[in-house]
Amino acid sequence: MTSRNTSANTSTNTNTNKEAFLNRIASKLGRERKTEVQRPAMQELIPDSYGPLTPEDLVEMLKEQCFFIHTQVIESTREILQRTLDDLVEANGGGTVMTSGDPRFREYGLAFPDAAVWEEAAGRAENIRRAESANTAIVFADCALAESGTVVVESRPDQGRSLHFLPAHYIAVIEREKLVLRSTDAAAALNRRIQAGEPVGSSINFISGPSNSADIEMKLVVGVHGPLRATYVLI
C-alpha cells in the first residue's frame, strides 16, 4: 500500500511541476498559457528559395549534392535496370546480394542468384545475420531528397534498419517520381498518409550516402560506420 501511495504522490508532484513550469514560460513570453496546439499548415514550413523547379532540375541538384557526399549516381531505365544492378554488383566484387522484400523487385522482374532477402518469417536475428554476410544491399527508396542527396526508407517487416547499414556496399533504386526537393516535402507526404489512416513504418531513416568521419587533423575517412560505398540508381 505504501508503494502505491508513493507512486501516486510522485505522479501528482510531476504534474504540478510541469504545470508550474509551463505557466512560468507563458508568463515570461507575456501571453496566456496555450492549452491546445494547432498543427501548422505544411506549406508554411516550406520556404520557396529556388522558385519553380522541373524534374530535371531536381535530378541535376541530386547529382551535384551526391558529388559532395561521396555517392555515385547512375541514370538507368526500367528496361535495363537488371543489367545496371548486375554491373554494379560485379563492380563491388560480387559476393552475396541482399534485397528487401519490397514488392517492386517482383514488379520490375529483378532477380539475383543466391540472393538473401529480408523477410519477416526469418526473424530478426536471422535477418541481421544475412545482412552482416552480404557484400551488397539493394533497396528501393521510398523517397529521395535532391537538396541533400538523401534517400528516405521506412523500417517495415520486409525491410529492417540493419539492411541499410551492415552490408559493405549499398545500392538504392530511386524512381524519378519519388524525387522531391527537401525533407519538408517528404514530411508533408508522410503527414498526408497519416491523416488518411495509412500505415507507416516503425521508423523513418534518412540516409545521405556513406558515413564520413574526420579526425582532429581533418583527414576524411568514408564508410567508417556503415557501407563503404553508396550508389543511387535513378530510373
Protein backbone atom coordinates (compact mmCIF):
# COMPACT_ATOMS: atom_id res chain seq x y z
CA MET A 1 0.00 0.00 0.00
CA THR A 2 2.82 2.38 0.85
CA SER A 3 4.37 1.76 -2.56
CA ARG A 4 1.14 2.66 -4.37
CA ASN A 5 0.71 5.86 -2.34
CA THR A 6 4.30 6.88 -3.04
CA SER A 7 3.76 6.29 -6.78
CA ALA A 8 0.56 8.37 -6.75
CA ASN A 9 2.25 11.21 -4.88
CA THR A 10 5.18 11.19 -7.33
CA SER A 11 2.79 11.38 -10.29
CA THR A 12 0.89 14.29 -8.69
CA ASN A 13 4.10 16.18 -7.94
CA THR A 14 5.33 15.65 -11.52
CA ASN A 15 2.12 17.04 -13.00
CA THR A 16 2.19 20.00 -10.60
CA ASN A 17 5.79 20.80 -11.50
CA LYS A 18 5.01 20.51 -15.21
CA GLU A 19 2.06 22.89 -14.95
CA ALA A 20 4.11 25.41 -12.95
CA PHE A 21 6.94 25.19 -15.48
CA LEU A 22 4.64 25.76 -18.48
CA ASN A 23 2.81 28.60 -16.73
CA ARG A 24 6.15 30.28 -15.97
CA ILE A 25 7.21 30.07 -19.63
CA ALA A 26 3.90 31.60 -20.76
CA SER A 27 4.36 34.40 -18.23
CA LYS A 28 7.90 35.12 -19.46
CA LEU A 29 6.55 35.27 -23.04
CA GLY A 30 3.92 37.77 -21.91
CA ARG A 31 0.91 35.76 -23.03
CA GLU A 32 -1.77 33.42 -21.76
CA ARG A 33 -0.89 29.76 -21.42
CA LYS A 34 -1.88 27.81 -24.53
CA THR A 35 -3.67 24.58 -23.72
CA GLU A 36 -4.41 23.49 -27.30
CA VAL A 37 -1.88 23.11 -30.09
CA GLN A 38 -2.94 23.70 -33.68
CA ARG A 39 -0.93 21.92 -36.34
CA PRO A 40 0.59 24.47 -38.77
CA ALA A 41 -0.13 24.18 -42.48
CA MET A 42 2.77 22.30 -44.10
CA GLN A 43 3.17 24.91 -46.83
CA GLU A 44 4.08 27.45 -44.16
CA LEU A 45 7.11 25.32 -43.27
CA ILE A 46 8.48 25.10 -46.81
CA PRO A 47 10.34 28.26 -47.93
CA ASP A 48 10.37 28.93 -51.67
CA SER A 49 14.09 29.59 -52.04
CA TYR A 50 14.56 28.17 -55.54
CA GLY A 51 11.48 29.21 -57.48
CA PRO A 52 9.85 26.80 -59.93
CA LEU A 53 11.84 23.59 -60.41
CA THR A 54 11.39 20.97 -63.12
CA PRO A 55 12.00 17.24 -62.56
CA GLU A 56 15.28 17.61 -64.47
CA ASP A 57 16.32 20.46 -62.16
CA LEU A 58 15.88 18.08 -59.22
CA VAL A 59 17.95 15.41 -60.96
CA GLU A 60 20.81 17.84 -61.57
CA MET A 61 20.61 19.05 -57.97
CA LEU A 62 20.77 15.46 -56.73
CA LYS A 63 23.84 14.72 -58.86
CA GLU A 64 25.65 17.83 -57.65
CA GLN A 65 24.96 17.15 -53.99
CA CYS A 66 25.92 13.48 -54.27
CA PHE A 67 29.35 14.51 -55.51
CA PHE A 68 29.94 16.22 -52.15
CA ILE A 69 28.69 13.27 -50.08
CA HIS A 70 30.82 10.70 -51.96
CA THR A 71 27.85 8.93 -53.52
CA GLN A 72 27.65 7.74 -57.11
CA VAL A 73 24.50 8.49 -59.12
CA ILE A 74 23.75 6.37 -62.17
CA GLU A 75 20.85 7.06 -64.50
CA SER A 76 19.18 3.96 -65.88
CA THR A 77 15.77 2.88 -67.14
CA ARG A 78 13.24 0.31 -66.06
CA GLU A 79 14.09 -1.77 -69.13
CA ILE A 80 17.81 -2.10 -68.33
CA LEU A 81 17.62 -1.87 -64.54
CA GLN A 82 18.57 -5.53 -64.06
CA ARG A 83 21.69 -5.11 -66.20
CA THR A 84 22.63 -1.90 -64.38
CA LEU A 85 22.34 -3.56 -60.99
CA ASP A 86 24.23 -6.66 -62.13
CA ASP A 87 27.09 -4.45 -63.34
CA LEU A 88 27.22 -2.62 -60.02
CA VAL A 89 27.24 -5.86 -58.03
CA GLU A 90 30.13 -7.09 -60.17
CA ALA A 91 31.97 -3.78 -59.68
CA ASN A 92 31.53 -4.26 -55.93
CA GLY A 93 33.41 -7.54 -56.18
CA GLY A 94 30.44 -9.87 -56.45
CA GLY A 95 29.58 -11.81 -53.33
CA THR A 96 26.22 -12.19 -51.66
CA VAL A 97 23.44 -9.75 -52.51
CA MET A 98 20.70 -8.98 -50.02
CA THR A 99 17.49 -7.23 -51.00
CA SER A 100 14.47 -6.01 -49.13
CA GLY A 101 11.19 -7.84 -49.55
CA ASP A 102 9.80 -4.81 -51.41
CA PRO A 103 7.20 -5.93 -53.99
CA ARG A 104 8.85 -3.66 -56.56
CA PHE A 105 11.57 -6.29 -57.05
CA ARG A 106 8.90 -8.62 -58.46
CA GLU A 107 7.17 -5.76 -60.28
CA TYR A 108 10.38 -4.93 -62.18
CA GLY A 109 11.29 -8.59 -62.68
CA LEU A 110 14.56 -8.31 -60.75
CA ALA A 111 16.40 -11.42 -59.62
CA PHE A 112 19.89 -12.10 -58.22
CA PRO A 113 21.39 -15.60 -57.97
CA ASP A 114 21.51 -16.92 -54.39
CA ALA A 115 20.38 -13.56 -53.03
CA ALA A 116 19.31 -13.22 -49.41
CA VAL A 117 16.03 -11.42 -48.70
CA TRP A 118 14.96 -9.54 -45.59
CA GLU A 119 11.72 -11.25 -44.64
CA GLU A 120 9.54 -11.22 -41.55
CA ALA A 121 9.32 -15.02 -41.40
CA ALA A 122 13.10 -15.34 -40.95
CA GLY A 123 13.07 -13.44 -37.67
CA ARG A 124 15.19 -10.53 -36.51
CA ALA A 125 18.38 -12.43 -35.63
CA GLU A 126 18.50 -14.34 -38.91
CA ASN A 127 17.81 -11.21 -40.98
CA ILE A 128 20.65 -9.39 -39.22
CA ARG A 129 22.97 -12.36 -39.81
CA ARG A 130 22.09 -12.27 -43.52
CA ALA A 131 22.77 -8.53 -43.68
CA GLU A 132 26.14 -8.96 -41.95
CA SER A 133 27.11 -11.63 -44.51
CA ALA A 134 26.03 -9.65 -47.58
CA ASN A 135 28.51 -7.71 -49.68
CA THR A 136 25.85 -5.58 -51.39
CA ALA A 137 22.42 -4.43 -50.23
CA ILE A 138 19.85 -3.35 -52.82
CA VAL A 139 16.71 -1.47 -51.82
CA PHE A 140 14.09 0.80 -53.34
CA ALA A 141 13.94 4.30 -51.86
CA ASP A 142 10.54 5.31 -50.53
CA CYS A 143 11.51 8.90 -51.29
CA ALA A 144 14.65 10.86 -52.21
CA LEU A 145 15.68 14.43 -51.39
CA ALA A 146 17.54 16.26 -54.14
CA GLU A 147 18.83 19.11 -51.99
CA SER A 148 20.75 16.87 -49.58
CA GLY A 149 21.33 13.71 -51.63
CA THR A 150 19.25 11.72 -49.16
CA VAL A 151 17.22 8.55 -49.58
CA VAL A 152 14.27 8.03 -47.25
CA VAL A 153 13.47 4.43 -46.32
CA GLU A 154 10.89 3.10 -43.89
CA SER A 155 11.54 0.23 -41.50
CA ARG A 156 8.95 -2.45 -42.21
CA PRO A 157 8.64 -6.22 -41.73
CA ASP A 158 10.16 -6.66 -45.22
CA GLN A 159 12.91 -4.09 -44.69
CA GLY A 160 14.69 -3.70 -41.36
CA ARG A 161 17.15 -0.96 -40.41
CA SER A 162 20.19 -3.25 -40.37
CA LEU A 163 19.79 -3.92 -44.09
CA HIS A 164 20.84 -0.33 -44.80
CA PHE A 165 23.92 -0.31 -42.57
CA LEU A 166 25.57 -3.75 -42.33
CA PRO A 167 26.45 -4.79 -45.94
CA ALA A 168 29.72 -3.40 -47.34
CA HIS A 169 28.02 -1.75 -50.34
CA TYR A 170 24.64 -0.05 -50.59
CA ILE A 171 22.54 0.47 -53.71
CA ALA A 172 19.29 2.44 -53.56
CA VAL A 173 17.00 2.49 -56.59
CA ILE A 174 15.19 5.83 -56.90
CA GLU A 175 12.12 6.16 -59.09
CA ARG A 176 12.03 9.63 -60.62
CA GLU A 177 8.53 10.32 -59.34
CA LYS A 178 9.83 9.76 -55.80
CA LEU A 179 12.43 12.54 -56.10
CA VAL A 180 11.46 15.71 -54.21
CA LEU A 181 13.33 18.84 -53.16
CA ARG A 182 13.88 18.50 -49.41
CA SER A 183 12.86 16.91 -46.12
CA THR A 184 9.79 19.10 -45.65
CA ASP A 185 8.34 17.66 -48.88
CA ALA A 186 8.89 14.15 -47.55
CA ALA A 187 7.34 15.15 -44.21
CA ALA A 188 4.29 16.62 -45.97
CA ALA A 189 3.76 13.38 -47.91
CA LEU A 190 4.12 11.37 -44.70
CA ASN A 191 1.65 13.68 -42.97
CA ARG A 192 -0.92 13.11 -45.74
CA ARG A 193 -0.54 9.35 -45.36
CA ILE A 194 -1.04 9.52 -41.60
CA GLN A 195 -4.11 11.73 -41.98
CA ALA A 196 -5.52 9.24 -44.50
CA GLY A 197 -5.07 6.44 -41.98
CA GLU A 198 -2.40 4.62 -43.99
CA PRO A 199 0.16 2.51 -42.09
CA VAL A 200 3.71 3.86 -41.89
CA GLY A 201 6.98 2.21 -40.90
CA SER A 202 8.14 1.82 -37.32
CA SER A 203 10.97 4.25 -38.09
CA ILE A 204 11.84 6.53 -40.99
CA ASN A 205 15.54 6.54 -41.95
CA PHE A 206 17.16 9.45 -43.80
CA ILE A 207 20.40 8.20 -45.37
CA SER A 208 22.79 10.60 -47.10
CA GLY A 209 25.47 8.40 -48.63
CA PRO A 210 28.19 6.56 -46.69
CA SER A 211 29.28 7.86 -43.29
CA ASN A 212 32.05 10.47 -43.21
CA SER A 213 34.43 10.80 -40.27
CA ALA A 214 37.32 13.23 -39.83
CA ASP A 215 39.87 13.25 -37.04
CA ILE A 216 41.48 16.30 -35.44
CA GLU A 217 43.88 16.59 -38.38
CA MET A 218 40.87 16.75 -40.75
CA LYS A 219 41.74 13.51 -42.52
CA LEU A 220 38.43 12.36 -44.01
CA VAL A 221 37.56 8.67 -43.89
CA VAL A 222 34.47 7.48 -45.74
CA GLY A 223 32.41 4.48 -44.71
CA VAL A 224 33.62 4.00 -41.14
CA HIS A 225 30.23 3.38 -39.54
CA GLY A 226 28.36 1.70 -42.39
CA PRO A 227 28.68 0.77 -46.06
CA LEU A 228 31.99 1.58 -47.73
CA ARG A 229 30.26 2.77 -50.88
CA ALA A 230 26.78 4.04 -51.69
CA THR A 231 25.25 4.23 -55.16
CA TYR A 232 21.91 5.66 -56.24
CA VAL A 233 20.32 4.27 -59.42
CA LEU A 234 17.81 6.71 -60.86
CA ILE A 235 15.11 5.26 -63.11
